[in-house]
Amino acid sequence: MKAFPESIQGVLFDLDGTLLDSATDLYAALQTQCDEMQVAAPPYAMVREVVSRGSRAILRCAFPDHDDDGLMQLVPRYLEIYQAVMAQHTRPFDGVEALLATIESQGMAWGIVTNKPGFLTDDLVQRIGWAGRAAAVVSGDTLPVKKPDPAPVLLACERAGLDPAHCLFVGDDRRDVQAGEAAGMYTVAVRWGYLDGGDPHAWGADLVLEHPSDLTRRLQVAA
């Protein structure tokens, strides 16, 4: 594992489960689709755990008998419902706004690398009020590949004018750690996210944090 960088240019983040607690709205969209199809909605806790894996994983909680093709046929309607409600209850996790303010106050850049489709990412970032603040936003369909491939992370660094060797990548899923490591960045796994039922300590991250304020303090010391 790497030592914490001495000269940090910027921090890149995963979106859902890292910066934003979006599970409530994602679940509400699933409930609506279940109502439309006259199927009982699964428990919220089951859905929250798989949020980081995307819409098919969420839909599989409600439609376990569908194969991948069957689930894909349900995705467009699910995303349509979700877009209509996705900013109703979605909020930054406690401490995230303070973390972003600290990054900005120290002259660092921050950006977003998510597997979420671009039309949803851009809309959500705009509604949250971050569109003018993020130095780069790379979505799941910006490139032909997505995390854990490092290409989206490297593209975000390029767009933000950052050297990956002097940046952190922060996420709540093993794929975030894999992508950040492959891109040559210092990797941070967070315990406040959805975690996909996994243990962040087992992902090989350079650092595991309990709360956004932990990273805020480290960045203040490193400045």
Protein backbone atom coordinates (compact mmCIF):
# COMPACT_ATOMS: atom_id res chain seq x y z
CA MET A 1 0.00 0.00 0.00
CA LYS A 2 1.19 3.51 -0.83
CA ALA A 3 1.98 6.24 1.65
CA PHE A 4 -0.49 9.12 1.73
CA PRO A 5 0.61 11.53 -1.03
CA GLU A 6 2.53 14.58 0.13
CA SER A 7 1.50 16.76 -2.79
CA ILE A 8 -2.15 16.24 -3.70
CA GLN A 9 -3.57 17.91 -6.79
CA GLY A 10 -7.08 16.54 -6.62
CA VAL A 11 -9.56 13.92 -5.48
CA LEU A 12 -11.86 11.88 -7.70
CA PHE A 13 -14.97 10.25 -6.29
CA ASP A 14 -17.50 7.61 -7.15
CA LEU A 15 -20.99 9.14 -7.01
CA ASP A 16 -23.73 6.88 -5.58
CA GLY A 17 -22.77 5.54 -2.17
CA THR A 18 -19.69 7.72 -1.90
CA LEU A 19 -20.76 11.33 -2.36
CA LEU A 20 -24.52 10.88 -2.52
CA ASP A 21 -26.96 8.76 -0.54
CA SER A 22 -29.30 7.97 -3.44
CA ALA A 23 -30.67 4.60 -2.35
CA THR A 24 -34.04 5.94 -1.19
CA ASP A 25 -34.89 7.35 -4.62
CA LEU A 26 -33.55 4.30 -6.43
CA TYR A 27 -35.77 2.14 -4.23
CA ALA A 28 -38.80 4.38 -4.77
CA ALA A 29 -38.40 3.94 -8.53
CA LEU A 30 -38.30 0.17 -8.09
CA GLN A 31 -41.43 0.26 -5.95
CA THR A 32 -43.27 2.15 -8.68
CA GLN A 33 -42.19 -0.35 -11.32
CA CYS A 34 -43.22 -3.25 -9.09
CA ASP A 35 -46.63 -1.63 -8.63
CA GLU A 36 -47.00 -1.26 -12.39
CA MET A 37 -46.15 -4.93 -12.90
CA GLN A 38 -48.19 -6.07 -9.88
CA VAL A 39 -45.19 -7.60 -8.15
CA ALA A 40 -44.36 -7.23 -4.47
CA ALA A 41 -41.40 -4.92 -3.88
CA PRO A 42 -38.40 -6.47 -2.11
CA PRO A 43 -37.18 -5.12 1.25
CA TYR A 44 -35.33 -1.81 1.15
CA ALA A 45 -32.25 -3.27 2.87
CA MET A 46 -31.80 -5.83 0.08
CA VAL A 47 -31.91 -3.15 -2.61
CA ARG A 48 -29.66 -0.69 -0.77
CA GLU A 49 -26.88 -3.23 -0.55
CA VAL A 50 -26.65 -3.68 -4.34
CA VAL A 51 -27.14 -0.07 -5.44
CA SER A 52 -23.48 0.29 -6.46
CA ARG A 53 -23.92 -2.51 -9.03
CA GLY A 54 -26.47 -0.57 -11.06
CA SER A 55 -30.00 -0.91 -12.37
CA ARG A 56 -29.91 -4.59 -13.36
CA ALA A 57 -28.79 -5.60 -9.86
CA ILE A 58 -31.55 -3.48 -8.37
CA LEU A 59 -34.16 -4.97 -10.68
CA ARG A 60 -32.93 -8.49 -9.94
CA CYS A 61 -33.96 -7.98 -6.31
CA ALA A 62 -37.58 -7.71 -7.47
CA PHE A 63 -37.45 -10.04 -10.47
CA PRO A 64 -35.07 -12.89 -9.53
CA ASP A 65 -36.56 -15.24 -12.13
CA HIS A 66 -35.66 -12.96 -15.05
CA ASP A 67 -32.48 -13.72 -16.99
CA ASP A 68 -30.14 -10.92 -18.07
CA ASP A 69 -32.06 -10.27 -21.27
CA GLY A 70 -35.32 -10.08 -19.36
CA LEU A 71 -33.86 -7.64 -16.88
CA MET A 72 -32.45 -5.48 -19.68
CA GLN A 73 -35.95 -5.12 -21.10
CA LEU A 74 -37.04 -3.64 -17.77
CA VAL A 75 -34.16 -1.18 -17.50
CA PRO A 76 -35.46 1.65 -19.77
CA ARG A 77 -38.70 1.97 -17.83
CA TYR A 78 -36.88 1.77 -14.52
CA LEU A 79 -34.50 4.58 -15.51
CA GLU A 80 -37.40 6.65 -16.77
CA ILE A 81 -39.17 6.36 -13.43
CA TYR A 82 -35.95 6.98 -11.53
CA GLN A 83 -35.08 10.15 -13.43
CA ALA A 84 -38.42 11.63 -12.42
CA VAL A 85 -37.74 11.11 -8.70
CA MET A 86 -33.97 10.94 -8.40
CA ALA A 87 -33.45 14.20 -6.52
CA GLN A 88 -36.42 14.00 -4.17
CA HIS A 89 -34.58 12.43 -1.25
CA THR A 90 -31.02 12.07 -2.57
CA ARG A 91 -28.57 14.11 -0.51
CA PRO A 92 -24.81 14.24 0.11
CA PHE A 93 -23.73 12.00 2.94
CA ASP A 94 -23.08 13.77 6.22
CA GLY A 95 -19.68 15.44 6.02
CA VAL A 96 -19.38 15.35 2.22
CA GLU A 97 -20.11 19.05 1.66
CA ALA A 98 -17.48 19.98 4.25
CA LEU A 99 -15.01 17.65 2.56
CA LEU A 100 -15.61 19.20 -0.87
CA ALA A 101 -15.30 22.70 0.61
CA THR A 102 -11.97 21.75 2.16
CA ILE A 103 -10.69 20.41 -1.17
CA GLU A 104 -11.70 23.62 -2.92
CA SER A 105 -10.32 25.91 -0.22
CA GLN A 106 -6.91 24.27 -0.55
CA GLY A 107 -6.78 24.85 -4.29
CA MET A 108 -7.30 21.20 -5.17
CA ALA A 109 -9.70 19.95 -7.83
CA TRP A 110 -12.34 17.29 -7.40
CA GLY A 111 -14.32 15.25 -9.88
CA ILE A 112 -16.70 12.35 -10.33
CA VAL A 113 -16.21 8.98 -12.04
CA THR A 114 -19.37 6.89 -11.97
CA ASN A 115 -20.86 3.92 -13.81
CA LYS A 116 -24.22 5.72 -13.84
CA PRO A 117 -25.49 6.60 -17.37
CA GLY A 118 -24.50 10.07 -18.47
CA PHE A 119 -28.00 11.49 -18.90
CA LEU A 120 -28.76 10.63 -15.29
CA THR A 121 -25.38 11.70 -13.94
CA ASP A 122 -25.47 15.12 -15.58
CA ASP A 123 -29.06 15.76 -14.50
CA LEU A 124 -28.42 14.67 -10.91
CA VAL A 125 -25.18 16.65 -10.55
CA GLN A 126 -27.03 19.70 -11.83
CA ARG A 127 -29.92 19.23 -9.39
CA ILE A 128 -27.56 18.75 -6.43
CA GLY A 129 -25.79 21.99 -7.39
CA TRP A 130 -22.37 20.58 -8.24
CA ALA A 131 -22.30 21.15 -12.01
CA GLY A 132 -20.17 24.28 -11.69
CA ARG A 133 -17.89 22.83 -9.04
CA ALA A 134 -16.72 19.44 -10.32
CA ALA A 135 -13.59 19.74 -12.45
CA ALA A 136 -14.55 16.61 -14.39
CA VAL A 137 -17.53 14.26 -14.58
CA VAL A 138 -17.13 10.93 -16.35
CA SER A 139 -20.12 8.59 -16.56
CA GLY A 140 -20.60 4.91 -17.29
CA ASP A 141 -21.24 5.49 -20.99
CA THR A 142 -18.69 8.27 -21.61
CA LEU A 143 -16.30 5.60 -22.88
CA PRO A 144 -16.85 2.07 -24.22
CA VAL A 145 -15.50 0.76 -20.88
CA LYS A 146 -16.35 1.57 -17.27
CA LYS A 147 -14.89 0.90 -13.83
CA PRO A 148 -13.03 -1.28 -12.86
CA ASP A 149 -11.26 -0.36 -16.10
CA PRO A 150 -8.96 2.60 -15.32
CA ALA A 151 -9.75 4.45 -18.57
CA PRO A 152 -12.64 6.54 -17.13
CA VAL A 153 -10.48 7.53 -14.16
CA LEU A 154 -7.60 8.54 -16.42
CA LEU A 155 -9.98 10.52 -18.62
CA ALA A 156 -11.23 12.43 -15.58
CA CYS A 157 -7.64 13.24 -14.63
CA GLU A 158 -6.96 14.45 -18.16
CA ARG A 159 -10.06 16.65 -18.23
CA ALA A 160 -9.26 18.12 -14.81
CA GLY A 161 -5.58 18.59 -15.60
CA LEU A 162 -4.46 16.23 -12.86
CA ASP A 163 -1.48 13.91 -12.54
CA PRO A 164 -2.88 10.54 -11.34
CA ALA A 165 0.19 9.99 -9.18
CA HIS A 166 -0.81 13.05 -7.14
CA CYS A 167 -4.50 12.22 -6.80
CA LEU A 168 -6.84 10.17 -4.64
CA PHE A 169 -9.66 7.99 -5.87
CA VAL A 170 -12.46 7.45 -3.35
CA GLY A 171 -15.25 4.87 -3.62
CA ASP A 172 -17.54 2.43 -1.84
CA ASP A 173 -17.06 -0.55 -4.15
CA ARG A 174 -14.20 -2.93 -4.94
CA ARG A 175 -14.33 -1.76 -8.57
CA ASP A 176 -13.47 1.76 -7.45
CA VAL A 177 -10.33 0.52 -5.74
CA GLN A 178 -9.37 -1.59 -8.74
CA ALA A 179 -9.86 1.30 -11.18
CA GLY A 180 -7.98 3.79 -9.03
CA GLU A 181 -5.09 1.42 -8.42
CA ALA A 182 -4.80 0.58 -12.13
CA ALA A 183 -4.74 4.31 -12.88
CA GLY A 184 -1.80 4.78 -10.51
CA MET A 185 -3.74 6.71 -7.87
CA TYR A 186 -3.88 6.52 -4.09
CA THR A 187 -7.04 4.55 -3.35
CA VAL A 188 -9.53 5.21 -0.55
CA ALA A 189 -12.39 2.86 0.34
CA VAL A 190 -15.24 4.23 2.43
CA ARG A 191 -17.37 2.41 4.96
CA TRP A 192 -20.34 4.81 4.85
CA GLY A 193 -21.48 3.65 1.40
CA TYR A 194 -23.45 0.68 0.10
CA LEU A 195 -20.45 -1.70 -0.08
CA ASP A 196 -22.26 -4.38 -2.12
CA GLY A 197 -22.19 -6.62 0.93
CA GLY A 198 -18.40 -6.59 0.99
CA ASP A 199 -15.71 -5.62 3.47
CA PRO A 200 -13.72 -2.54 2.32
CA HIS A 201 -10.72 -3.78 4.28
CA ALA A 202 -10.53 -6.76 1.91
CA TRP A 203 -10.35 -4.69 -1.29
CA GLY A 204 -6.68 -3.75 -1.11
CA ALA A 205 -7.28 -0.01 -0.79
CA ASP A 206 -4.46 2.18 0.49
CA LEU A 207 -6.79 3.63 3.10
CA VAL A 208 -10.22 2.75 4.55
CA LEU A 209 -12.26 5.53 6.15
CA GLU A 210 -15.29 5.52 8.44
CA HIS A 211 -16.58 9.04 7.74
CA PRO A 212 -15.96 11.87 5.24
CA SER A 213 -14.55 13.99 8.08
CA ASP A 214 -11.66 11.52 8.37
CA LEU A 215 -10.53 12.44 4.87
CA THR A 216 -11.15 16.14 5.53
CA ARG A 217 -8.71 16.03 8.44
CA ARG A 218 -6.09 14.14 6.45
CA LEU A 219 -6.26 16.66 3.62
CA GLN A 220 -5.95 19.57 6.04
CA VAL A 221 -2.82 18.03 7.55
CA ALA A 222 -1.35 17.25 4.13
CA ALA A 223 -1.87 20.82 2.86
